[in-house]
Amino acid sequence: MPVTDEAIEKIKAMIVSGELSPGSRLPKEADLADRLGLSRNSLREAVKALSLIRVLDVRQGDGTYVTSLAPDLLLDALGFVVDFHQDDTVLDFLEVRRILEPAAAAMAARAMSDEDIAELGAVLAGLSDDPSLDELIENDLEFHRRLAAGSGNAVLGSLVDGLSGPTARARIWRGLTEEGAVERTRQQHQAIVDAIAARRPDLAQAWTTVHIGGVEQWLRGTLGAAGSALG
């Protein structure tokens, strides 16, 4: 095992065992390196790597701390990963969304408060009749963010939210090139809200599956047509 990976595993073990808890400050570099049997160099590399994935927080002049380890913080890197993938690979992420987000919608139908449901509906109502591209993107992301949070499961919500933003490009591309796509999206969003408000988990799940499946189906067709044209 590379030295840096070994250092990462040792720090991880301290966190998993509870020796270092969320918010804890790590011992001084020299003391920790000596205690773990590591060089200060490999320890620095490990700390740098763990700070990039939001496990550690390096505060200049103050020390290094374990973060809150909240799911949304740790899964924040997911969007970073998705951004590096091409459109055909984005299909894989849309497939995952089609599996996870309908489940989140069904949970939201059980868990969301009346006030949160009203706010979700207000997001849709706030979109103008002739929205700009920026308005469409912002409204779509906010809708799906609130829907994910409405599941009441922080891990599921963070996963869905992490997948929603990076795959927005495909959804907007569809809205710009497919006739009626924007209006159809608005209608499907409203159907999801109505199902949640009616406390119908099965209906919320079904509408969300249709909604995300439509984007996935469109992208598959578009990429397939582009591939045929090039061939």
Protein backbone atom coordinates (compact mmCIF):
# COMPACT_ATOMS: atom_id res chain seq x y z
CA MET A 1 0.00 0.00 0.00
CA PRO A 2 1.42 3.47 -0.91
CA VAL A 3 2.62 5.44 2.11
CA THR A 4 0.03 8.21 1.62
CA ASP A 5 -2.80 5.66 1.39
CA GLU A 6 -1.54 4.04 4.58
CA ALA A 7 -1.58 7.43 6.29
CA ILE A 8 -5.14 8.07 5.09
CA GLU A 9 -6.27 4.67 6.41
CA LYS A 10 -4.72 5.34 9.82
CA ILE A 11 -6.43 8.71 10.19
CA LYS A 12 -9.68 7.18 8.97
CA ALA A 13 -9.35 4.44 11.59
CA MET A 14 -9.03 7.07 14.32
CA ILE A 15 -12.27 8.68 13.14
CA VAL A 16 -14.18 5.41 12.69
CA SER A 17 -13.12 4.19 16.15
CA GLY A 18 -14.38 7.41 17.72
CA GLU A 19 -10.95 8.49 18.85
CA LEU A 20 -11.46 11.53 16.65
CA SER A 21 -15.08 12.70 16.54
CA PRO A 22 -16.76 15.34 14.32
CA GLY A 23 -15.34 18.74 15.25
CA SER A 24 -12.26 17.28 16.98
CA ARG A 25 -8.89 18.91 16.48
CA LEU A 26 -6.09 16.64 15.29
CA PRO A 27 -2.95 16.43 17.46
CA LYS A 28 0.03 18.51 16.35
CA GLU A 29 1.62 17.27 13.16
CA ALA A 30 4.85 16.04 14.78
CA ASP A 31 2.99 14.24 17.58
CA LEU A 32 0.49 12.59 15.23
CA ALA A 33 3.18 11.50 12.74
CA ASP A 34 5.20 9.95 15.56
CA ARG A 35 2.17 8.25 17.06
CA LEU A 36 1.05 6.74 13.76
CA GLY A 37 4.57 5.79 12.69
CA LEU A 38 4.44 8.07 9.64
CA SER A 39 6.75 10.62 8.13
CA ARG A 40 5.51 14.19 8.42
CA ASN A 41 5.54 14.34 4.63
CA SER A 42 3.15 11.41 4.17
CA LEU A 43 0.95 12.76 6.96
CA ARG A 44 0.72 16.13 5.19
CA GLU A 45 -0.27 14.42 1.93
CA ALA A 46 -2.93 12.39 3.74
CA VAL A 47 -4.36 15.49 5.42
CA LYS A 48 -4.43 17.30 2.08
CA ALA A 49 -6.30 14.41 0.45
CA LEU A 50 -8.82 14.12 3.29
CA SER A 51 -9.43 17.87 3.24
CA LEU A 52 -10.26 17.70 -0.48
CA ILE A 53 -13.07 15.22 0.22
CA ARG A 54 -14.24 17.32 3.17
CA VAL A 55 -13.31 14.86 5.93
CA LEU A 56 -10.78 17.28 7.41
CA ASP A 57 -10.83 21.06 7.61
CA VAL A 58 -7.40 22.73 7.61
CA ARG A 59 -7.63 26.11 9.31
CA GLN A 60 -4.61 28.29 8.70
CA GLY A 61 -2.96 29.27 11.96
CA ASP A 62 -5.45 27.26 14.03
CA GLY A 63 -4.99 23.59 13.23
CA THR A 64 -6.71 20.73 11.44
CA TYR A 65 -10.16 19.59 12.48
CA VAL A 66 -12.49 16.73 11.61
CA THR A 67 -15.48 18.22 9.80
CA SER A 68 -19.09 17.60 10.81
CA LEU A 69 -18.97 14.52 8.51
CA ALA A 70 -22.52 15.39 7.46
CA PRO A 71 -23.65 13.43 4.37
CA ASP A 72 -24.19 16.55 2.26
CA LEU A 73 -20.63 17.67 3.01
CA LEU A 74 -19.00 14.32 2.26
CA LEU A 75 -21.06 13.73 -0.88
CA ASP A 76 -20.32 17.21 -2.21
CA ALA A 77 -17.49 15.74 -4.26
CA LEU A 78 -20.01 13.69 -6.26
CA GLY A 79 -20.94 16.64 -8.43
CA PHE A 80 -17.25 17.28 -9.07
CA VAL A 81 -16.88 13.71 -10.36
CA VAL A 82 -19.95 13.89 -12.61
CA ASP A 83 -18.74 17.12 -14.21
CA PHE A 84 -15.78 15.27 -15.73
CA HIS A 85 -17.92 12.74 -17.59
CA GLN A 86 -19.12 13.00 -21.18
CA ASP A 87 -22.77 12.90 -22.27
CA ASP A 88 -22.86 9.14 -22.86
CA THR A 89 -21.57 8.54 -19.32
CA VAL A 90 -24.08 11.04 -17.93
CA LEU A 91 -26.66 8.45 -18.98
CA ASP A 92 -25.31 6.22 -16.21
CA PHE A 93 -25.92 8.99 -13.70
CA LEU A 94 -29.42 9.58 -15.05
CA GLU A 95 -30.12 5.87 -14.55
CA VAL A 96 -29.09 6.21 -10.92
CA ARG A 97 -31.33 9.28 -10.57
CA ARG A 98 -34.22 7.29 -12.06
CA ILE A 99 -33.72 4.69 -9.33
CA LEU A 100 -33.14 7.03 -6.38
CA GLU A 101 -35.25 10.13 -6.95
CA PRO A 102 -38.63 8.39 -7.31
CA ALA A 103 -37.90 6.72 -3.96
CA ALA A 104 -37.10 10.14 -2.49
CA ALA A 105 -40.39 11.51 -3.88
CA ALA A 106 -42.34 8.63 -2.32
CA MET A 107 -40.66 9.30 1.03
CA ALA A 108 -41.39 13.02 0.66
CA ALA A 109 -45.10 12.24 0.26
CA ARG A 110 -44.96 10.69 3.72
CA ALA A 111 -42.46 12.96 5.45
CA MET A 112 -42.82 16.53 4.15
CA SER A 113 -44.73 19.00 6.28
CA ASP A 114 -47.63 20.92 4.76
CA GLU A 115 -45.51 24.06 4.94
CA ASP A 116 -42.63 22.45 3.02
CA ILE A 117 -45.04 21.15 0.38
CA ALA A 118 -46.47 24.65 -0.03
CA GLU A 119 -42.94 26.01 -0.47
CA LEU A 120 -42.19 23.34 -3.07
CA GLY A 121 -45.29 24.42 -4.97
CA ALA A 122 -44.24 28.05 -4.62
CA VAL A 123 -40.98 27.26 -6.40
CA LEU A 124 -42.97 26.20 -9.47
CA ALA A 125 -45.35 29.15 -9.20
CA GLY A 126 -42.38 31.52 -9.09
CA LEU A 127 -41.29 30.62 -12.63
CA SER A 128 -42.39 33.23 -15.15
CA ASP A 129 -44.43 32.36 -18.25
CA ASP A 130 -41.48 33.06 -20.53
CA PRO A 131 -38.43 32.18 -18.42
CA SER A 132 -34.85 32.76 -19.50
CA LEU A 133 -32.37 29.87 -19.63
CA ASP A 134 -30.84 30.95 -16.31
CA GLU A 135 -34.29 31.06 -14.67
CA LEU A 136 -35.12 27.58 -15.97
CA ILE A 137 -31.88 26.13 -14.63
CA GLU A 138 -32.20 27.82 -11.25
CA ASN A 139 -35.85 26.82 -10.85
CA ASP A 140 -35.25 23.21 -11.90
CA LEU A 141 -32.30 22.78 -9.52
CA GLU A 142 -34.22 24.35 -6.62
CA PHE A 143 -37.23 22.10 -7.24
CA HIS A 144 -35.17 18.93 -7.25
CA ARG A 145 -33.10 20.08 -4.27
CA ARG A 146 -36.24 20.61 -2.17
CA LEU A 147 -37.71 17.33 -3.39
CA ALA A 148 -34.56 15.46 -2.34
CA ALA A 149 -34.47 17.17 1.06
CA GLY A 150 -38.15 16.37 1.52
CA SER A 151 -37.34 12.65 1.73
CA GLY A 152 -36.21 13.22 5.31
CA ASN A 153 -33.17 10.99 4.69
CA ALA A 154 -30.00 13.08 4.64
CA VAL A 155 -27.93 10.47 2.77
CA LEU A 156 -30.55 9.88 0.07
CA GLY A 157 -31.21 13.60 -0.20
CA SER A 158 -27.50 14.36 -0.66
CA LEU A 159 -27.06 11.65 -3.28
CA VAL A 160 -30.04 12.87 -5.31
CA ASP A 161 -28.99 16.49 -4.95
CA GLY A 162 -25.46 15.65 -6.01
CA LEU A 163 -26.70 13.93 -9.16
CA SER A 164 -29.30 16.56 -10.01
CA GLY A 165 -27.01 19.54 -10.55
CA PRO A 166 -24.39 17.94 -12.82
CA THR A 167 -27.01 16.28 -15.03
CA ALA A 168 -28.89 19.57 -15.45
CA ARG A 169 -27.02 20.24 -18.68
CA ALA A 170 -28.80 17.34 -20.39
CA ARG A 171 -32.19 18.53 -19.12
CA ILE A 172 -31.60 22.09 -20.32
CA TRP A 173 -30.26 20.85 -23.65
CA ARG A 174 -33.51 18.93 -24.07
CA GLY A 175 -35.55 22.00 -23.14
CA LEU A 176 -33.82 24.06 -25.82
CA THR A 177 -34.04 21.49 -28.63
CA GLU A 178 -37.22 19.48 -28.07
CA GLU A 179 -40.51 21.23 -28.78
CA GLY A 180 -42.81 21.40 -25.77
CA ALA A 181 -40.20 20.01 -23.36
CA VAL A 182 -40.26 23.03 -21.03
CA GLU A 183 -44.04 23.00 -20.65
CA ARG A 184 -44.06 19.23 -20.23
CA THR A 185 -41.46 19.55 -17.49
CA ARG A 186 -43.56 22.15 -15.68
CA GLN A 187 -46.62 19.90 -15.87
CA GLN A 188 -44.68 16.91 -14.54
CA HIS A 189 -43.20 18.97 -11.71
CA GLN A 190 -46.73 20.08 -10.78
CA ALA A 191 -47.99 16.49 -10.93
CA ILE A 192 -45.23 15.45 -8.51
CA VAL A 193 -46.16 18.26 -6.10
CA ASP A 194 -49.86 17.37 -6.34
CA ALA A 195 -49.11 13.71 -5.57
CA ILE A 196 -46.99 14.67 -2.55
CA ALA A 197 -49.68 17.07 -1.32
CA ALA A 198 -52.26 14.28 -1.66
CA ARG A 199 -49.97 12.03 0.41
CA ARG A 200 -49.79 9.54 -2.45
CA PRO A 201 -46.30 7.98 -2.33
CA ASP A 202 -47.09 5.60 -5.20
CA LEU A 203 -48.22 8.44 -7.46
CA ALA A 204 -45.29 10.69 -6.51
CA GLN A 205 -42.91 7.85 -7.30
CA ALA A 206 -44.60 7.12 -10.63
CA TRP A 207 -44.58 10.74 -11.81
CA THR A 208 -40.94 11.19 -10.83
CA THR A 209 -40.00 8.04 -12.72
CA VAL A 210 -41.81 9.35 -15.81
CA HIS A 211 -40.15 12.75 -15.40
CA ILE A 212 -36.57 11.53 -15.15
CA GLY A 213 -37.12 8.63 -17.53
CA GLY A 214 -38.21 11.11 -20.20
CA VAL A 215 -34.91 12.98 -20.01
CA GLU A 216 -32.96 9.73 -20.08
CA GLN A 217 -34.92 8.41 -23.06
CA TRP A 218 -34.46 11.68 -24.95
CA LEU A 219 -30.70 11.73 -24.31
CA ARG A 220 -30.30 8.12 -25.41
CA GLY A 221 -32.13 8.92 -28.65
CA THR A 222 -30.16 12.09 -29.25
CA LEU A 223 -26.78 10.45 -28.65
CA GLY A 224 -27.81 7.46 -30.76
CA ALA A 225 -28.82 9.73 -33.64
CA ALA A 226 -25.55 11.67 -33.36
CA GLY A 227 -23.60 8.41 -33.42
CA SER A 228 -25.46 7.19 -36.52
CA ALA A 229 -24.83 10.48 -38.31
CA LEU A 230 -21.11 10.27 -37.58
CA GLY A 231 -21.03 6.63 -38.67
